[in-house]
Protein backbone atom coordinates (compact mmCIF):
# COMPACT_ATOMS: atom_id res chain seq x y z
CA UNK A 1 16.63 -9.03 4.64
CA UNK A 2 14.80 -5.69 4.22
CA UNK A 3 17.44 -2.74 5.79
CA UNK A 4 15.61 -0.98 8.58
CA UNK A 5 14.70 2.17 8.35
CA UNK A 6 16.69 4.86 10.26
CA UNK A 7 14.85 6.28 13.23
CA UNK A 8 14.05 9.94 11.87
CA UNK A 9 12.15 8.26 8.74
CA UNK A 10 10.02 5.97 10.96
CA UNK A 11 9.50 8.75 13.73
CA UNK A 12 9.18 12.47 12.02
CA UNK A 13 11.76 14.60 14.21
CA UNK A 14 9.19 16.78 15.14
CA UNK A 15 7.78 13.95 17.65
CA UNK A 16 9.77 13.22 20.13
CA UNK A 17 9.64 13.75 24.39
CA UNK A 18 12.06 16.28 24.36
CA UNK A 19 9.85 18.17 21.86
CA UNK A 20 6.71 18.16 23.53
CA UNK A 21 5.35 21.32 24.88
CA UNK A 22 3.36 22.14 28.06
CA UNK A 23 2.37 18.51 28.86
CA UNK A 24 1.11 18.00 32.51
CA UNK A 25 3.38 17.57 35.22
CA UNK A 26 5.16 14.47 35.45
CA UNK A 27 3.49 13.02 32.10
CA UNK A 28 6.80 12.81 30.13
CA UNK A 29 8.51 11.40 33.14
CA UNK A 30 5.82 8.48 32.57
CA UNK A 31 6.20 8.34 28.95
CA UNK A 32 9.83 8.03 29.53
CA UNK A 33 9.71 5.55 31.79
CA UNK A 34 7.12 3.14 29.48
CA UNK A 35 9.56 3.81 26.78
CA UNK A 36 12.86 2.57 27.94
CA UNK A 37 12.15 0.39 31.68
CA UNK A 38 10.99 -2.94 31.66
CA UNK A 39 8.14 -3.14 34.10
CA UNK A 40 7.00 0.49 33.99
CA UNK A 41 3.21 1.53 34.59
CA UNK A 42 0.77 1.21 31.24
CA UNK A 43 -0.47 4.31 30.30
CA UNK A 44 -3.55 5.80 28.77
CA UNK A 45 -3.61 8.95 27.16
CA UNK A 46 -6.79 11.24 26.84
CA UNK A 47 -7.86 14.62 25.28
CA UNK A 48 -9.18 15.94 22.43
CA UNK A 49 -8.38 16.00 18.74
CA UNK A 50 -5.24 17.99 18.03
CA UNK A 51 -3.27 18.11 21.39
CA UNK A 52 -0.31 15.88 20.76
CA UNK A 53 -1.76 12.07 21.75
CA UNK A 54 -0.11 11.16 18.51
CA UNK A 55 2.82 12.83 18.91
CA UNK A 56 3.85 11.15 22.12
CA UNK A 57 2.83 7.75 20.88
CA UNK A 58 5.39 8.37 18.17
CA UNK A 59 7.60 9.59 20.92
CA UNK A 60 7.54 6.63 23.18
CA UNK A 61 8.00 4.42 20.07
CA UNK A 62 11.13 6.63 19.17
CA UNK A 63 12.15 6.65 22.73
CA UNK A 64 11.94 2.97 22.90
CA UNK A 65 14.08 2.27 19.62
CA UNK A 66 16.54 4.34 20.70
CA UNK A 67 16.97 2.39 23.95
CA UNK A 68 17.42 -0.86 21.90
CA UNK A 69 13.82 -1.93 22.38
CA UNK A 70 11.50 -3.11 20.19
CA UNK A 71 8.52 -1.02 19.44
CA UNK A 72 5.18 -0.78 17.43
CA UNK A 73 3.01 1.79 16.50
CA UNK A 74 -0.85 1.46 15.16
CA UNK A 75 -3.36 4.04 14.39
CA UNK A 76 -6.65 2.03 15.31
CA UNK A 77 -8.54 3.92 12.76
CA UNK A 78 -6.47 2.05 10.20
CA UNK A 79 -7.23 -1.57 11.37
CA UNK A 80 -10.79 -1.10 12.69
CA UNK A 81 -12.71 -4.17 11.40
CA UNK A 82 -9.47 -6.50 11.14
CA UNK A 83 -8.04 -5.42 14.50
CA UNK A 84 -6.98 -9.26 15.34
CA UNK A 85 -4.93 -9.79 12.26
CA UNK A 86 -3.47 -6.44 12.77
CA UNK A 87 -2.29 -6.87 16.57
CA UNK A 88 -1.06 -10.36 16.06
CA UNK A 89 1.94 -8.86 13.94
CA UNK A 90 2.85 -6.82 17.20
CA UNK A 91 3.35 -10.10 19.18
CA UNK A 92 7.04 -10.08 20.63
CA UNK A 93 7.21 -6.20 20.63
CA UNK A 94 8.65 -4.68 24.01
CA UNK A 95 6.54 -1.65 23.65
CA UNK A 96 3.15 -0.60 21.68
CA UNK A 97 1.22 2.39 21.00
CA UNK A 98 -2.39 1.87 20.25
CA UNK A 99 -3.46 5.47 19.14
CA UNK A 100 -6.97 6.06 18.79
CA UNK A 101 -9.20 3.75 20.71
CA UNK A 102 -12.02 5.45 19.82
CA UNK A 103 -12.24 4.07 16.55
CA UNK A 104 -12.62 0.58 17.42
CA UNK A 105 -15.69 1.64 20.46
CA UNK A 106 -18.47 -0.59 19.99
CA UNK A 107 -16.89 -2.96 17.49
CA UNK A 108 -17.45 -6.30 19.25
CA UNK A 109 -14.72 -8.27 17.35
CA UNK A 110 -12.25 -5.47 17.40
CA UNK A 111 -12.88 -4.89 21.50
CA UNK A 112 -12.19 -8.74 22.37
CA UNK A 113 -9.20 -8.73 19.77
CA UNK A 114 -7.57 -6.09 21.90
CA UNK A 115 -8.86 -7.36 25.16
CA UNK A 116 -6.79 -10.61 24.13
CA UNK A 117 -4.04 -8.86 23.19
CA UNK A 118 -4.02 -6.63 26.20
CA UNK A 119 -3.49 -9.78 28.21
CA UNK A 120 -1.18 -11.45 25.82
CA UNK A 121 1.24 -8.21 26.34
CA UNK A 122 0.77 -8.14 30.01
CA UNK A 123 1.37 -12.09 30.03
CA UNK A 124 4.58 -11.16 27.69
CA UNK A 125 6.36 -8.55 30.01
CA UNK A 126 5.47 -5.76 27.09
CA UNK A 127 4.18 -2.43 27.42
CA UNK A 128 1.03 -0.83 26.23
CA UNK A 129 0.36 2.99 25.64
CA UNK A 130 -3.11 3.72 24.57
CA UNK A 131 -4.83 6.97 23.13
CA UNK A 132 -8.14 8.30 22.91
CA UNK A 133 -10.30 11.01 23.23
CA UNK A 134 -12.13 10.47 26.29
CA UNK A 135 -11.54 8.73 29.09
CA UNK A 136 -12.08 4.57 29.52
CA UNK A 137 -15.64 5.21 31.33
CA UNK A 138 -16.79 7.49 28.54
CA UNK A 139 -15.80 5.11 25.51
CA UNK A 140 -18.74 3.37 24.04
CA UNK A 141 -17.34 0.21 24.59
CA UNK A 142 -19.66 -3.02 24.69
CA UNK A 143 -17.30 -5.10 26.45
CA UNK A 144 -17.06 -4.49 30.30
CA UNK A 145 -13.92 -6.35 30.35
CA UNK A 146 -12.00 -4.53 28.16
CA UNK A 147 -12.95 -1.20 29.87
CA UNK A 148 -11.89 -2.60 33.41
CA UNK A 149 -8.47 -3.42 31.68
CA UNK A 150 -7.95 0.16 30.29
CA UNK A 151 -9.22 1.77 33.70
CA UNK A 152 -6.42 -0.36 35.39
CA UNK A 153 -3.51 1.76 33.52
CA UNK A 154 -2.31 5.04 34.65
CA UNK A 155 -4.26 7.99 33.00
CA UNK A 156 -2.58 11.15 31.73
CA UNK A 157 -5.04 13.80 30.03
CA UNK A 158 -4.11 16.25 27.60
CA UNK A 159 -5.34 20.05 27.30
CA UNK A 160 -5.40 22.29 24.17
CA UNK A 161 -2.05 24.54 23.71
CA UNK A 162 -2.41 27.95 24.98
CA UNK A 163 -1.06 30.87 23.08
CA UNK A 164 2.15 30.77 24.96
CA UNK A 165 2.47 27.16 24.08
CA UNK A 166 1.52 27.74 20.35
CA UNK A 167 4.54 30.38 20.36
CA UNK A 168 6.54 27.78 21.78
CA UNK A 169 5.81 24.96 19.19
CA UNK A 170 6.04 27.14 16.35
CA UNK A 171 9.34 28.82 17.60
CA UNK A 172 11.17 25.26 17.93
CA UNK A 173 9.63 23.90 14.92
CA UNK A 174 10.61 26.69 12.73
CA UNK A 175 13.83 26.60 14.25
CA UNK A 176 14.53 22.74 13.63
CA UNK A 177 13.49 23.39 9.82
CA UNK A 178 15.99 26.43 9.59
CA UNK A 179 12.91 28.62 9.22
CA UNK A 180 13.21 32.05 10.99
CA UNK A 181 10.11 33.82 12.13
CA UNK A 182 9.89 37.11 13.41
CA UNK A 183 7.78 38.39 16.25
CA UNK A 184 5.26 39.97 13.68
CA UNK A 185 5.28 36.74 11.56
CA UNK A 186 4.98 34.66 14.84
CA UNK A 187 2.13 36.70 16.03
CA UNK A 188 0.37 37.10 12.41
CA UNK A 189 0.18 33.32 12.39
CA UNK A 190 -1.18 32.40 15.82
CA UNK A 191 -3.72 35.10 15.10
CA UNK A 192 -4.78 33.12 12.21
CA UNK A 193 -4.04 29.35 12.36
CA UNK A 194 -5.52 26.78 14.88
CA UNK A 195 -4.49 25.11 17.93
CA UNK A 196 -3.93 21.61 17.19
CA UNK A 197 -0.16 20.31 16.91
CA UNK A 198 -0.81 18.73 13.32
CA UNK A 199 -2.12 21.65 11.84
CA UNK A 200 1.23 23.71 13.00
CA UNK A 201 3.68 21.11 11.52
CA UNK A 202 1.71 20.71 8.53
CA UNK A 203 2.10 24.64 8.19
CA UNK A 204 5.86 24.97 8.72
CA UNK A 205 6.51 21.91 6.17
CA UNK A 206 4.47 24.58 3.56
CA UNK A 207 6.11 27.26 4.64
CA UNK A 208 9.62 25.61 4.50
CA UNK A 209 8.90 24.67 1.20
CA UNK A 210 7.57 27.88 -0.55
CA UNK A 211 10.43 29.59 1.26
CA UNK A 212 13.17 27.31 -0.43
CA UNK A 213 11.25 27.56 -3.87
CA UNK A 214 11.01 31.37 -3.44
CA UNK A 215 14.37 31.97 -1.70
CA UNK A 216 12.94 34.58 0.47
CA UNK A 217 12.31 35.04 4.13
CA UNK A 218 9.23 34.53 6.10
CA UNK A 219 7.91 37.57 6.28
CA UNK A 220 4.11 38.79 6.92
CA UNK A 221 4.16 39.82 3.28
CA UNK A 222 5.21 36.21 2.29
CA UNK A 223 2.92 34.63 4.63
CA UNK A 224 -0.19 36.40 3.27
CA UNK A 225 0.91 35.42 -0.17
CA UNK A 226 1.96 31.97 0.34
CA UNK A 227 -1.02 31.02 2.73
CA UNK A 228 -3.74 33.36 1.09
CA UNK A 229 -5.13 34.49 4.49
């Protein structure tokens, strides 16, 4: 039997419910309930790219497995055109996060497969978390019954981080890597990097590797040299 991967390898440590910054009031409690409590409301996360939908989808899976439940995560973009086969592998999971509904909207076969899976999951007592950039009524779906099912999920809408949120994300994620970012370095970065969480994480990974290789602190001159900005 193949040994199970440690939780931190399946779901990156940065992507936990407790590390999410500036979510809507009550959203983390809803997500934690979905992860840990059978019978909790199914959820639909909506928001533009880079606001943390994938972070929360992976965080729910991590919280589920930490609670002893079977979790599964599927980025729908990777399964577009063959969704029925991909979803068949998740029958029997306690919690399933389906990330990026936009990728299968308008693909009738995929929509039918998702509709069937949604109904099977409901009958089996599994829990579903959906993510998309827009609300169900705005998705270009060809199957009205699927839109109806999605609209029955409790809705959480995410917004881009403001500057205070971005600063907090950078500080906390840097600390977990052992990176020290002083105020001058933080201010310099915040003026020059995007607002999406994935971009911030990738940037810190790059800085972590560069500072270890150079054995240097992360200062503004080091940032300018490393990032070529």
